[in-house]
């Protein structure tokens, strides 16, 4: 997030196993952050299959396809996904989450992967 603090026009994406962030990337293009995550994971031998892909920017159909190729069953963002990304996520079995903020989220597809914890 260092670049965002300076430029206020930078996107970030991350890969998580649910316990920790395994890879994190920033770029001025939201699509590029996914490519950078893929590169980091290849370089550091981090398996992407079965992990969740997180993004600050809106999930487009292209980003959804990249996450699907990575084998990510969950793709989540702080913003809304495009309507085409919702259709694709539904068709390929990905749990697509938008508006993930402050303990709240909106699940668009395949919600069975999400667990609600009570306090």
PDB file of N, CA and C in Angstrom:
ATOM      1  N   UNK A   1       0.801  -1.189   0.000  1.00  0.00           N
ATOM      2  CA  UNK A   1       0.000   0.000   0.000  1.00  0.00           C
ATOM      3  C   UNK A   1       0.856   1.271   0.000  1.00  0.00           C
ATOM      4  N   UNK A   2       2.152   1.105  -0.057  1.00  0.00           N
ATOM      5  CA  UNK A   2       3.032   2.280  -0.055  1.00  0.00           C
ATOM      6  C   UNK A   2       2.778   3.162  -1.265  1.00  0.00           C
ATOM      7  N   UNK A   3       2.614   2.551  -2.425  1.00  0.00           N
ATOM      8  CA  UNK A   3       2.401   3.339  -3.636  1.00  0.00           C
ATOM      9  C   UNK A   3       1.072   4.087  -3.575  1.00  0.00           C
ATOM     10  N   UNK A   4       0.025   3.447  -3.038  1.00  0.00           N
ATOM     11  CA  UNK A   4      -1.280   4.100  -2.953  1.00  0.00           C
ATOM     12  C   UNK A   4      -1.201   5.329  -2.060  1.00  0.00           C
ATOM     13  N   UNK A   5      -0.482   5.228  -0.985  1.00  0.00           N
ATOM     14  CA  UNK A   5      -0.340   6.352  -0.069  1.00  0.00           C
ATOM     15  C   UNK A   5       0.280   7.549  -0.779  1.00  0.00           C
ATOM     16  N   UNK A   6       1.218   7.299  -1.679  1.00  0.00           N
ATOM     17  CA  UNK A   6       1.873   8.379  -2.409  1.00  0.00           C
ATOM     18  C   UNK A   6       1.049   8.857  -3.600  1.00  0.00           C
ATOM     19  N   UNK A   7       0.447   7.943  -4.357  1.00  0.00           N
ATOM     20  CA  UNK A   7      -0.167   8.315  -5.632  1.00  0.00           C
ATOM     21  C   UNK A   7      -1.690   8.421  -5.594  1.00  0.00           C
ATOM     22  N   UNK A   8      -2.338   7.755  -4.678  1.00  0.00           N
ATOM     23  CA  UNK A   8      -3.801   7.729  -4.573  1.00  0.00           C
ATOM     24  C   UNK A   8      -4.478   7.266  -5.852  1.00  0.00           C
ATOM     25  N   UNK A   9      -3.783   6.506  -6.650  1.00  0.00           N
ATOM     26  CA  UNK A   9      -4.345   5.987  -7.880  1.00  0.00           C
ATOM     27  C   UNK A   9      -3.793   4.612  -8.178  1.00  0.00           C
ATOM     28  N   UNK A  10      -3.471   3.871  -7.149  1.00  0.00           N
ATOM     29  CA  UNK A  10      -2.833   2.572  -7.296  1.00  0.00           C
ATOM     30  C   UNK A  10      -3.760   1.505  -6.732  1.00  0.00           C
ATOM     31  N   UNK A  11      -3.823   0.382  -7.424  1.00  0.00           N
ATOM     32  CA  UNK A  11      -4.628  -0.755  -6.980  1.00  0.00           C
ATOM     33  C   UNK A  11      -3.731  -1.789  -6.324  1.00  0.00           C
ATOM     34  N   UNK A  12      -4.337  -2.645  -5.529  1.00  0.00           N
ATOM     35  CA  UNK A  12      -3.594  -3.728  -4.892  1.00  0.00           C
ATOM     36  C   UNK A  12      -4.425  -4.996  -4.958  1.00  0.00           C
ATOM     37  N   UNK A  13      -3.732  -6.120  -5.032  1.00  0.00           N
ATOM     38  CA  UNK A  13      -4.360  -7.435  -4.959  1.00  0.00           C
ATOM     39  C   UNK A  13      -3.492  -8.320  -4.089  1.00  0.00           C
ATOM     40  N   UNK A  14      -4.111  -9.336  -3.522  1.00  0.00           N
ATOM     41  CA  UNK A  14      -3.383 -10.267  -2.684  1.00  0.00           C
ATOM     42  C   UNK A  14      -3.923 -11.673  -2.833  1.00  0.00           C
ATOM     43  N   UNK A  15      -3.127 -12.622  -2.414  1.00  0.00           N
ATOM     44  CA  UNK A  15      -3.514 -14.016  -2.397  1.00  0.00           C
ATOM     45  C   UNK A  15      -3.421 -14.482  -0.955  1.00  0.00           C
ATOM     46  N   UNK A  16      -4.472 -15.155  -0.480  1.00  0.00           N
ATOM     47  CA  UNK A  16      -4.478 -15.616   0.906  1.00  0.00           C
ATOM     48  C   UNK A  16      -4.940 -17.057   1.017  1.00  0.00           C
ATOM     49  N   UNK A  17      -4.450 -17.707   2.042  1.00  0.00           N
ATOM     50  CA  UNK A  17      -4.927 -19.048   2.366  1.00  0.00           C
ATOM     51  C   UNK A  17      -5.969 -18.997   3.481  1.00  0.00           C
ATOM     52  N   UNK A  18      -6.376 -17.796   3.844  1.00  0.00           N
ATOM     53  CA  UNK A  18      -7.346 -17.613   4.913  1.00  0.00           C
ATOM     54  C   UNK A  18      -6.698 -17.338   6.257  1.00  0.00           C
ATOM     55  N   UNK A  19      -5.418 -17.595   6.342  1.00  0.00           N
ATOM     56  CA  UNK A  19      -4.675 -17.356   7.580  1.00  0.00           C
ATOM     57  C   UNK A  19      -3.695 -16.192   7.420  1.00  0.00           C
ATOM     58  N   UNK A  20      -3.100 -16.103   6.238  1.00  0.00           N
ATOM     59  CA  UNK A  20      -2.111 -15.058   6.007  1.00  0.00           C
ATOM     60  C   UNK A  20      -2.115 -14.648   4.531  1.00  0.00           C
ATOM     61  N   UNK A  21      -1.564 -13.483   4.252  1.00  0.00           N
ATOM     62  CA  UNK A  21      -1.388 -13.019   2.880  1.00  0.00           C
ATOM     63  C   UNK A  21      -0.127 -13.687   2.339  1.00  0.00           C
ATOM     64  N   UNK A  22      -0.274 -14.437   1.264  1.00  0.00           N
ATOM     65  CA  UNK A  22       0.840 -15.170   0.679  1.00  0.00           C
ATOM     66  C   UNK A  22       1.588 -14.344  -0.366  1.00  0.00           C
ATOM     67  N   UNK A  23       0.871 -13.459  -1.033  1.00  0.00           N
ATOM     68  CA  UNK A  23       1.476 -12.599  -2.054  1.00  0.00           C
ATOM     69  C   UNK A  23       0.665 -11.313  -2.114  1.00  0.00           C
ATOM     70  N   UNK A  24       1.347 -10.204  -2.353  1.00  0.00           N
ATOM     71  CA  UNK A  24       0.708  -8.897  -2.417  1.00  0.00           C
ATOM     72  C   UNK A  24       1.364  -8.105  -3.539  1.00  0.00           C
ATOM     73  N   UNK A  25       0.530  -7.421  -4.351  1.00  0.00           N
ATOM     74  CA  UNK A  25       1.069  -6.638  -5.462  1.00  0.00           C
ATOM     75  C   UNK A  25       0.284  -5.349  -5.632  1.00  0.00           C
ATOM     76  N   UNK A  26       0.985  -4.296  -6.045  1.00  0.00           N
ATOM     77  CA  UNK A  26       0.378  -2.998  -6.326  1.00  0.00           C
ATOM     78  C   UNK A  26       0.724  -2.591  -7.754  1.00  0.00           C
ATOM     79  N   UNK A  27      -0.186  -1.832  -8.383  1.00  0.00           N
ATOM     80  CA  UNK A  27       0.073  -1.330  -9.720  1.00  0.00           C
ATOM     81  C   UNK A  27      -0.958  -0.248 -10.022  1.00  0.00           C
ATOM     82  N   UNK A  28      -0.698   0.591 -11.007  1.00  0.00           N
ATOM     83  CA  UNK A  28      -1.665   1.603 -11.409  1.00  0.00           C
ATOM     84  C   UNK A  28      -2.825   0.984 -12.185  1.00  0.00           C
ATOM     85  N   UNK A  29      -2.663  -0.233 -12.669  1.00  0.00           N
ATOM     86  CA  UNK A  29      -3.734  -0.952 -13.361  1.00  0.00           C
ATOM     87  C   UNK A  29      -4.216  -2.118 -12.518  1.00  0.00           C
ATOM     88  N   UNK A  30      -5.513  -2.189 -12.281  1.00  0.00           N
ATOM     89  CA  UNK A  30      -6.029  -3.262 -11.412  1.00  0.00           C
ATOM     90  C   UNK A  30      -5.808  -4.636 -12.015  1.00  0.00           C
ATOM     91  N   UNK A  31      -5.856  -4.756 -13.354  1.00  0.00           N
ATOM     92  CA  UNK A  31      -5.609  -6.040 -14.004  1.00  0.00           C
ATOM     93  C   UNK A  31      -4.165  -6.484 -13.812  1.00  0.00           C
ATOM     94  N   UNK A  32      -3.260  -5.521 -13.825  1.00  0.00           N
ATOM     95  CA  UNK A  32      -1.835  -5.835 -13.680  1.00  0.00           C
ATOM     96  C   UNK A  32      -1.516  -6.434 -12.321  1.00  0.00           C
ATOM     97  N   UNK A  33      -2.275  -6.070 -11.303  1.00  0.00           N
ATOM     98  CA  UNK A  33      -1.993  -6.616  -9.972  1.00  0.00           C
ATOM     99  C   UNK A  33      -2.165  -8.131  -9.952  1.00  0.00           C
ATOM    100  N   UNK A  34      -3.128  -8.635 -10.702  1.00  0.00           N
ATOM    101  CA  UNK A  34      -3.341 -10.088 -10.768  1.00  0.00           C
ATOM    102  C   UNK A  34      -2.160 -10.744 -11.488  1.00  0.00           C
ATOM    103  N   UNK A  35      -1.699 -10.131 -12.564  1.00  0.00           N
ATOM    104  CA  UNK A  35      -0.531 -10.659 -13.268  1.00  0.00           C
ATOM    105  C   UNK A  35       0.694 -10.679 -12.353  1.00  0.00           C
ATOM    106  N   UNK A  36       0.854  -9.637 -11.573  1.00  0.00           N
ATOM    107  CA  UNK A  36       1.988  -9.581 -10.647  1.00  0.00           C
ATOM    108  C   UNK A  36       1.878 -10.658  -9.566  1.00  0.00           C
ATOM    109  N   UNK A  37       0.667 -10.887  -9.071  1.00  0.00           N
ATOM    110  CA  UNK A  37       0.467 -11.961  -8.086  1.00  0.00           C
ATOM    111  C   UNK A  37       0.878 -13.298  -8.693  1.00  0.00           C
ATOM    112  N   UNK A  38       0.437 -13.541  -9.932  1.00  0.00           N
ATOM    113  CA  UNK A  38       0.804 -14.787 -10.618  1.00  0.00           C
ATOM    114  C   UNK A  38       2.319 -14.915 -10.726  1.00  0.00           C
ATOM    115  N   UNK A  39       2.987 -13.841 -11.103  1.00  0.00           N
ATOM    116  CA  UNK A  39       4.444 -13.864 -11.220  1.00  0.00           C
ATOM    117  C   UNK A  39       5.146 -14.111  -9.897  1.00  0.00           C
ATOM    118  N   UNK A  40       4.679 -13.452  -8.858  1.00  0.00           N
ATOM    119  CA  UNK A  40       5.254 -13.657  -7.523  1.00  0.00           C
ATOM    120  C   UNK A  40       5.113 -15.117  -7.111  1.00  0.00           C
ATOM    121  N   UNK A  41       3.928 -15.663  -7.357  1.00  0.00           N
ATOM    122  CA  UNK A  41       3.677 -17.053  -6.956  1.00  0.00           C
ATOM    123  C   UNK A  41       4.524 -18.036  -7.752  1.00  0.00           C
ATOM    124  N   UNK A  42       4.725 -17.770  -9.033  1.00  0.00           N
ATOM    125  CA  UNK A  42       5.606 -18.625  -9.833  1.00  0.00           C
ATOM    126  C   UNK A  42       7.047 -18.532  -9.338  1.00  0.00           C
ATOM    127  N   UNK A  43       7.496 -17.328  -9.094  1.00  0.00           N
ATOM    128  CA  UNK A  43       8.879 -17.104  -8.653  1.00  0.00           C
ATOM    129  C   UNK A  43       9.146 -17.731  -7.279  1.00  0.00           C
ATOM    130  N   UNK A  44       8.179 -17.619  -6.374  1.00  0.00           N
ATOM    131  CA  UNK A  44       8.373 -18.096  -5.004  1.00  0.00           C
ATOM    132  C   UNK A  44       7.764 -19.469  -4.761  1.00  0.00           C
ATOM    133  N   UNK A  45       7.319 -20.136  -5.824  1.00  0.00           N
ATOM    134  CA  UNK A  45       6.737 -21.480  -5.748  1.00  0.00           C
ATOM    135  C   UNK A  45       5.559 -21.545  -4.755  1.00  0.00           C
ATOM    136  N   UNK A  46       4.674 -20.562  -4.865  1.00  0.00           N
ATOM    137  CA  UNK A  46       3.460 -20.525  -4.045  1.00  0.00           C
ATOM    138  C   UNK A  46       2.319 -21.078  -4.888  1.00  0.00           C
ATOM    139  N   UNK A  47       1.662 -22.101  -4.402  1.00  0.00           N
ATOM    140  CA  UNK A  47       0.532 -22.684  -5.115  1.00  0.00           C
ATOM    141  C   UNK A  47      -0.676 -21.758  -5.003  1.00  0.00           C
ATOM    142  N   UNK A  48      -1.312 -21.446  -6.126  1.00  0.00           N
ATOM    143  CA  UNK A  48      -2.469 -20.553  -6.127  1.00  0.00           C
ATOM    144  C   UNK A  48      -3.790 -21.306  -6.036  1.00  0.00           C
ATOM    145  N   UNK A  49      -3.809 -22.546  -6.460  1.00  0.00           N
ATOM    146  CA  UNK A  49      -5.047 -23.327  -6.456  1.00  0.00           C
ATOM    147  C   UNK A  49      -5.571 -23.470  -5.029  1.00  0.00           C
ATOM    148  N   UNK A  50      -6.866 -23.212  -4.875  1.00  0.00           N
ATOM    149  CA  UNK A  50      -7.495 -23.351  -3.575  1.00  0.00           C
ATOM    150  C   UNK A  50      -7.356 -22.133  -2.674  1.00  0.00           C
ATOM    151  N   UNK A  51      -6.676 -21.111  -3.153  1.00  0.00           N
ATOM    152  CA  UNK A  51      -6.477 -19.893  -2.363  1.00  0.00           C
ATOM    153  C   UNK A  51      -7.493 -18.833  -2.779  1.00  0.00           C
ATOM    154  N   UNK A  52      -7.681 -17.830  -1.944  1.00  0.00           N
ATOM    155  CA  UNK A  52      -8.597 -16.733  -2.246  1.00  0.00           C
ATOM    156  C   UNK A  52      -7.815 -15.563  -2.818  1.00  0.00           C
ATOM    157  N   UNK A  53      -8.376 -14.967  -3.854  1.00  0.00           N
ATOM    158  CA  UNK A  53      -7.787 -13.802  -4.489  1.00  0.00           C
ATOM    159  C   UNK A  53      -8.541 -12.570  -4.011  1.00  0.00           C
ATOM    160  N   UNK A  54      -7.802 -11.585  -3.506  1.00  0.00           N
ATOM    161  CA  UNK A  54      -8.386 -10.367  -2.957  1.00  0.00           C
ATOM    162  C   UNK A  54      -7.977  -9.176  -3.821  1.00  0.00           C
ATOM    163  N   UNK A  55      -8.881  -8.207  -3.972  1.00  0.00           N
ATOM    164  CA  UNK A  55      -8.564  -7.039  -4.796  1.00  0.00           C
ATOM    165  C   UNK A  55      -9.216  -5.797  -4.219  1.00  0.00           C
ATOM    166  N   UNK A  56      -8.568  -4.665  -4.439  1.00  0.00           N
ATOM    167  CA  UNK A  56      -9.175  -3.391  -4.058  1.00  0.00           C
ATOM    168  C   UNK A  56     -10.070  -2.853  -5.164  1.00  0.00           C
ATOM    169  N   UNK A  57      -9.707  -3.108  -6.407  1.00  0.00           N
ATOM    170  CA  UNK A  57     -10.462  -2.580  -7.537  1.00  0.00           C
ATOM    171  C   UNK A  57     -11.633  -3.452  -7.918  1.00  0.00           C
ATOM    172  N   UNK A  58     -12.465  -2.918  -8.780  1.00  0.00           N
ATOM    173  CA  UNK A  58     -13.630  -3.631  -9.285  1.00  0.00           C
ATOM    174  C   UNK A  58     -13.188  -4.872 -10.050  1.00  0.00           C
ATOM    175  N   UNK A  59     -13.846  -6.003  -9.803  1.00  0.00           N
ATOM    176  CA  UNK A  59     -13.507  -7.247 -10.483  1.00  0.00           C
ATOM    177  C   UNK A  59     -14.166  -7.264 -11.859  1.00  0.00           C
ATOM    178  N   UNK A  60     -13.335  -7.236 -12.883  1.00  0.00           N
ATOM    179  CA  UNK A  60     -13.822  -7.307 -14.258  1.00  0.00           C
ATOM    180  C   UNK A  60     -13.844  -8.764 -14.703  1.00  0.00           C
ATOM    181  N   UNK A  61     -14.422  -9.005 -15.869  1.00  0.00           N
ATOM    182  CA  UNK A  61     -14.449 -10.366 -16.401  1.00  0.00           C
ATOM    183  C   UNK A  61     -13.030 -10.883 -16.658  1.00  0.00           C
ATOM    184  N   UNK A  62     -12.142 -10.006 -17.099  1.00  0.00           N
ATOM    185  CA  UNK A  62     -10.760 -10.417 -17.353  1.00  0.00           C
ATOM    186  C   UNK A  62     -10.056 -10.821 -16.056  1.00  0.00           C
ATOM    187  N   UNK A  63     -10.286 -10.054 -15.007  1.00  0.00           N
ATOM    188  CA  UNK A  63      -9.682 -10.391 -13.712  1.00  0.00           C
ATOM    189  C   UNK A  63     -10.254 -11.704 -13.183  1.00  0.00           C
ATOM    190  N   UNK A  64     -11.557 -11.904 -13.375  1.00  0.00           N
ATOM    191  CA  UNK A  64     -12.201 -13.140 -12.941  1.00  0.00           C
ATOM    192  C   UNK A  64     -11.590 -14.326 -13.682  1.00  0.00           C
ATOM    193  N   UNK A  65     -11.388 -14.185 -14.969  1.00  0.00           N
ATOM    194  CA  UNK A  65     -10.792 -15.273 -15.756  1.00  0.00           C
ATOM    195  C   UNK A  65      -9.365 -15.577 -15.287  1.00  0.00           C
ATOM    196  N   UNK A  66      -8.612 -14.547 -14.968  1.00  0.00           N
ATOM    197  CA  UNK A  66      -7.249 -14.769 -14.467  1.00  0.00           C
ATOM    198  C   UNK A  66      -7.288 -15.530 -13.145  1.00  0.00           C
ATOM    199  N   UNK A  67      -8.191 -15.133 -12.259  1.00  0.00           N
ATOM    200  CA  UNK A  67      -8.340 -15.840 -10.988  1.00  0.00           C
ATOM    201  C   UNK A  67      -8.777 -17.281 -11.188  1.00  0.00           C
ATOM    202  N   UNK A  68      -9.649 -17.511 -12.151  1.00  0.00           N
ATOM    203  CA  UNK A  68     -10.097 -18.875 -12.453  1.00  0.00           C
ATOM    204  C   UNK A  68      -8.929 -19.727 -12.949  1.00  0.00           C
ATOM    205  N   UNK A  69      -8.092 -19.158 -13.822  1.00  0.00           N
ATOM    206  CA  UNK A  69      -6.914 -19.892 -14.314  1.00  0.00           C
ATOM    207  C   UNK A  69      -5.937 -20.203 -13.184  1.00  0.00           C
ATOM    208  N   UNK A  70      -5.926 -19.353 -12.174  1.00  0.00           N
ATOM    209  CA  UNK A  70      -5.059 -19.591 -11.012  1.00  0.00           C
ATOM    210  C   UNK A  70      -5.634 -20.671 -10.101  1.00  0.00           C
ATOM    211  N   UNK A  71      -6.892 -21.025 -10.306  1.00  0.00           N
ATOM    212  CA  UNK A  71      -7.530 -22.042  -9.471  1.00  0.00           C
ATOM    213  C   UNK A  71      -8.097 -21.496  -8.176  1.00  0.00           C
ATOM    214  N   UNK A  72      -8.367 -20.194  -8.142  1.00  0.00           N
ATOM    215  CA  UNK A  72      -8.889 -19.557  -6.933  1.00  0.00           C
ATOM    216  C   UNK A  72     -10.409 -19.751  -6.848  1.00  0.00           C
ATOM    217  N   UNK A  73     -10.898 -20.462  -5.850  1.00  0.00           N
ATOM    218  CA  UNK A  73     -12.342 -20.691  -5.735  1.00  0.00           C
ATOM    219  C   UNK A  73     -13.101 -19.485  -5.186  1.00  0.00           C
ATOM    220  N   UNK A  74     -12.378 -18.543  -4.567  1.00  0.00           N
ATOM    221  CA  UNK A  74     -12.994 -17.333  -4.015  1.00  0.00           C
ATOM    222  C   UNK A  74     -12.238 -16.119  -4.536  1.00  0.00           C
ATOM    223  N   UNK A  75     -12.991 -15.158  -5.067  1.00  0.00           N
ATOM    224  CA  UNK A  75     -12.419 -13.891  -5.509  1.00  0.00           C
ATOM    225  C   UNK A  75     -13.241 -12.794  -4.847  1.00  0.00           C
ATOM    226  N   UNK A  76     -12.568 -11.899  -4.128  1.00  0.00           N
ATOM    227  CA  UNK A  76     -13.267 -10.875  -3.356  1.00  0.00           C
ATOM    228  C   UNK A  76     -12.667  -9.497  -3.604  1.00  0.00           C
ATOM    229  N   UNK A  77     -13.537  -8.488  -3.522  1.00  0.00           N
ATOM    230  CA  UNK A  77     -13.104  -7.113  -3.725  1.00  0.00           C
ATOM    231  C   UNK A  77     -13.838  -6.178  -2.784  1.00  0.00           C
ATOM    232  N   UNK A  78     -13.268  -5.005  -2.584  1.00  0.00           N
ATOM    233  CA  UNK A  78     -13.937  -3.953  -1.813  1.00  0.00           C
ATOM    234  C   UNK A  78     -15.009  -3.257  -2.646  1.00  0.00           C
ATOM    235  N   UNK A  79     -14.987  -3.473  -3.945  1.00  0.00           N
ATOM    236  CA  UNK A  79     -15.925  -2.816  -4.853  1.00  0.00           C
ATOM    237  C   UNK A  79     -16.845  -3.828  -5.507  1.00  0.00           C
ATOM    238  N   UNK A  80     -17.765  -3.342  -6.315  1.00  0.00           N
ATOM    239  CA  UNK A  80     -18.712  -4.221  -6.990  1.00  0.00           C
ATOM    240  C   UNK A  80     -18.052  -4.892  -8.192  1.00  0.00           C
ATOM    241  N   UNK A  81     -18.459  -6.117  -8.502  1.00  0.00           N
ATOM    242  CA  UNK A  81     -17.975  -6.767  -9.711  1.00  0.00           C
ATOM    243  C   UNK A  81     -18.810  -6.313 -10.909  1.00  0.00           C
ATOM    244  N   UNK A  82     -18.297  -6.526 -12.110  1.00  0.00           N
ATOM    245  CA  UNK A  82     -19.086  -6.241 -13.294  1.00  0.00           C
ATOM    246  C   UNK A  82     -20.128  -7.346 -13.471  1.00  0.00           C
ATOM    247  N   UNK A  83     -21.167  -7.045 -14.222  1.00  0.00           N
ATOM    248  CA  UNK A  83     -22.222  -8.045 -14.431  1.00  0.00           C
ATOM    249  C   UNK A  83     -21.681  -9.261 -15.183  1.00  0.00           C
ATOM    250  N   UNK A  84     -20.757  -9.045 -16.120  1.00  0.00           N
ATOM    251  CA  UNK A  84     -20.182 -10.177 -16.841  1.00  0.00           C
ATOM    252  C   UNK A  84     -19.333 -11.051 -15.921  1.00  0.00           C
ATOM    253  N   UNK A  85     -18.609 -10.461 -14.991  1.00  0.00           N
ATOM    254  CA  UNK A  85     -17.808 -11.266 -14.065  1.00  0.00           C
ATOM    255  C   UNK A  85     -18.714 -12.105 -13.162  1.00  0.00           C
ATOM    256  N   UNK A  86     -19.879 -11.587 -12.807  1.00  0.00           N
ATOM    257  CA  UNK A  86     -20.840 -12.365 -12.009  1.00  0.00           C
ATOM    258  C   UNK A  86     -21.320 -13.571 -12.817  1.00  0.00           C
ATOM    259  N   UNK A  87     -21.645 -13.349 -14.078  1.00  0.00           N
ATOM    260  CA  UNK A  87     -22.103 -14.447 -14.936  1.00  0.00           C
ATOM    261  C   UNK A  87     -21.027 -15.524 -15.072  1.00  0.00           C
ATOM    262  N   UNK A  88     -19.800 -15.098 -15.301  1.00  0.00           N
ATOM    263  CA  UNK A  88     -18.705 -16.060 -15.466  1.00  0.00           C
ATOM    264  C   UNK A  88     -18.449 -16.809 -14.164  1.00  0.00           C
ATOM    265  N   UNK A  89     -18.414 -16.090 -13.056  1.00  0.00           N
ATOM    266  CA  UNK A  89     -18.191 -16.735 -11.757  1.00  0.00           C
ATOM    267  C   UNK A  89     -19.248 -17.799 -11.498  1.00  0.00           C
ATOM    268  N   UNK A  90     -20.483 -17.485 -11.794  1.00  0.00           N
ATOM    269  CA  UNK A  90     -21.564 -18.444 -11.605  1.00  0.00           C
ATOM    270  C   UNK A  90     -21.362 -19.663 -12.492  1.00  0.00           C
ATOM    271  N   UNK A  91     -20.987 -19.439 -13.738  1.00  0.00           N
ATOM    272  CA  UNK A  91     -20.817 -20.534 -14.701  1.00  0.00           C
ATOM    273  C   UNK A  91     -19.650 -21.454 -14.362  1.00  0.00           C
ATOM    274  N   UNK A  92     -18.564 -20.893 -13.819  1.00  0.00           N
ATOM    275  CA  UNK A  92     -17.369 -21.709 -13.552  1.00  0.00           C
ATOM    276  C   UNK A  92     -17.240 -22.132 -12.093  1.00  0.00           C
ATOM    277  N   UNK A  93     -18.194 -21.754 -11.251  1.00  0.00           N
ATOM    278  CA  UNK A  93     -18.206 -22.225  -9.862  1.00  0.00           C
ATOM    279  C   UNK A  93     -17.356 -21.451  -8.886  1.00  0.00           C
ATOM    280  N   UNK A  94     -17.108 -20.182  -9.159  1.00  0.00           N
ATOM    281  CA  UNK A  94     -16.306 -19.350  -8.261  1.00  0.00           C
ATOM    282  C   UNK A  94     -17.222 -18.561  -7.332  1.00  0.00           C
ATOM    283  N   UNK A  95     -16.837 -18.474  -6.077  1.00  0.00           N
ATOM    284  CA  UNK A  95     -17.521 -17.614  -5.120  1.00  0.00           C
ATOM    285  C   UNK A  95     -17.014 -16.203  -5.343  1.00  0.00           C
ATOM    286  N   UNK A  96     -17.906 -15.321  -5.774  1.00  0.00           N
ATOM    287  CA  UNK A  96     -17.537 -13.939  -6.067  1.00  0.00           C
ATOM    288  C   UNK A  96     -18.133 -13.026  -5.002  1.00  0.00           C
ATOM    289  N   UNK A  97     -17.265 -12.240  -4.368  1.00  0.00           N
ATOM    290  CA  UNK A  97     -17.656 -11.364  -3.266  1.00  0.00           C
ATOM    291  C   UNK A  97     -17.326  -9.926  -3.631  1.00  0.00           C
ATOM    292  N   UNK A  98     -18.264  -9.038  -3.344  1.00  0.00           N
ATOM    293  CA  UNK A  98     -18.035  -7.614  -3.535  1.00  0.00           C
ATOM    294  C   UNK A  98     -18.333  -6.869  -2.251  1.00  0.00           C
ATOM    295  N   UNK A  99     -17.942  -5.636  -2.211  1.00  0.00           N
ATOM    296  CA  UNK A  99     -18.167  -4.757  -1.057  1.00  0.00           C
ATOM    297  C   UNK A  99     -17.694  -5.385   0.261  1.00  0.00           C
ATOM    298  N   UNK A 100     -16.558  -6.045   0.224  1.00  0.00           N
ATOM    299  CA  UNK A 100     -15.982  -6.656   1.424  1.00  0.00           C
ATOM    300  C   UNK A 100     -15.329  -5.560   2.256  1.00  0.00           C
ATOM    301  N   UNK A 101     -16.063  -5.102   3.272  1.00  0.00           N
ATOM    302  CA  UNK A 101     -15.585  -3.982   4.107  1.00  0.00           C
ATOM    303  C   UNK A 101     -16.090  -4.123   5.536  1.00  0.00           C
ATOM    304  N   UNK A 102     -15.254  -3.818   6.479  1.00  0.00           N
ATOM    305  CA  UNK A 102     -15.637  -3.692   7.891  1.00  0.00           C
ATOM    306  C   UNK A 102     -16.519  -4.838   8.384  1.00  0.00           C
ATOM    307  N   UNK A 103     -16.144  -6.064   8.083  1.00  0.00           N
ATOM    308  CA  UNK A 103     -16.890  -7.215   8.548  1.00  0.00           C
ATOM    309  C   UNK A 103     -18.170  -7.491   7.788  1.00  0.00           C
ATOM    310  N   UNK A 104     -18.390  -6.785   6.677  1.00  0.00           N
ATOM    311  CA  UNK A 104     -19.577  -6.998   5.854  1.00  0.00           C
ATOM    312  C   UNK A 104     -19.146  -7.310   4.431  1.00  0.00           C
ATOM    313  N   UNK A 105     -20.018  -7.980   3.690  1.00  0.00           N
ATOM    314  CA  UNK A 105     -19.726  -8.281   2.297  1.00  0.00           C
ATOM    315  C   UNK A 105     -21.024  -8.602   1.572  1.00  0.00           C
ATOM    316  N   UNK A 106     -20.928  -8.631   0.260  1.00  0.00           N
ATOM    317  CA  UNK A 106     -22.039  -9.032  -0.576  1.00  0.00           C
ATOM    318  C   UNK A 106     -21.547 -10.207  -1.418  1.00  0.00           C
ATOM    319  N   UNK A 107     -22.166 -11.382  -1.223  1.00  0.00           N
ATOM    320  CA  UNK A 107     -21.788 -12.576  -1.974  1.00  0.00           C
ATOM    321  C   UNK A 107     -22.707 -12.720  -3.178  1.00  0.00           C
ATOM    322  N   UNK A 108     -22.137 -12.813  -4.359  1.00  0.00           N
ATOM    323  CA  UNK A 108     -22.904 -12.877  -5.592  1.00  0.00           C
ATOM    324  C   UNK A 108     -23.139 -14.296  -6.086  1.00  0.00           C
ATOM    325  N   UNK A 109     -22.168 -15.176  -5.914  1.00  0.00           N
ATOM    326  CA  UNK A 109     -22.277 -16.529  -6.461  1.00  0.00           C
ATOM    327  C   UNK A 109     -21.683 -17.548  -5.494  1.00  0.00           C
ATOM    328  N   UNK A 110     -22.186 -18.745  -5.559  1.00  0.00           N
ATOM    329  CA  UNK A 110     -21.646 -19.903  -4.837  1.00  0.00           C
ATOM    330  C   UNK A 110     -21.281 -19.594  -3.382  1.00  0.00           C
ATOM    331  N   UNK A 111     -22.258 -19.161  -2.636  1.00  0.00           N
ATOM    332  CA  UNK A 111     -22.065 -18.708  -1.254  1.00  0.00           C
ATOM    333  C   UNK A 111     -21.735 -19.839  -0.282  1.00  0.00           C
ATOM    334  N   UNK A 112     -21.879 -21.083  -0.699  1.00  0.00           N
ATOM    335  CA  UNK A 112     -21.648 -22.213   0.214  1.00  0.00           C
ATOM    336  C   UNK A 112     -20.214 -22.255   0.756  1.00  0.00           C
ATOM    337  N   UNK A 113     -19.295 -21.591   0.107  1.00  0.00           N
ATOM    338  CA  UNK A 113     -17.902 -21.582   0.594  1.00  0.00           C
ATOM    339  C   UNK A 113     -17.694 -20.619   1.766  1.00  0.00           C
ATOM    340  N   UNK A 114     -18.629 -19.731   1.984  1.00  0.00           N
ATOM    341  CA  UNK A 114     -18.462 -18.707   3.012  1.00  0.00           C
ATOM    342  C   UNK A 114     -19.088 -19.184   4.319  1.00  0.00           C
ATOM    343  N   UNK A 115     -18.383 -18.956   5.399  1.00  0.00           N
ATOM    344  CA  UNK A 115     -18.832 -19.360   6.723  1.00  0.00           C
ATOM    345  C   UNK A 115     -19.113 -18.100   7.545  1.00  0.00           C
ATOM    346  N   UNK A 116     -20.267 -18.051   8.155  1.00  0.00           N
ATOM    347  CA  UNK A 116     -20.619 -16.928   9.011  1.00  0.00           C
ATOM    348  C   UNK A 116     -20.265 -17.282  10.439  1.00  0.00           C
ATOM    349  N   UNK A 117     -19.431 -16.462  11.037  1.00  0.00           N
ATOM    350  CA  UNK A 117     -19.049 -16.675  12.439  1.00  0.00           C
ATOM    351  C   UNK A 117     -19.864 -15.765  13.330  1.00  0.00           C
ATOM    352  N   UNK A 118     -20.392 -16.331  14.387  1.00  0.00           N
ATOM    353  CA  UNK A 118     -21.133 -15.497  15.351  1.00  0.00           C
ATOM    354  C   UNK A 118     -20.209 -15.092  16.484  1.00  0.00           C
ATOM    355  N   UNK A 119     -20.464 -13.931  17.042  1.00  0.00           N
ATOM    356  CA  UNK A 119     -19.601 -13.425  18.130  1.00  0.00           C
ATOM    357  C   UNK A 119     -19.958 -14.051  19.435  1.00  0.00           C
TER     358      UNK A 119
END
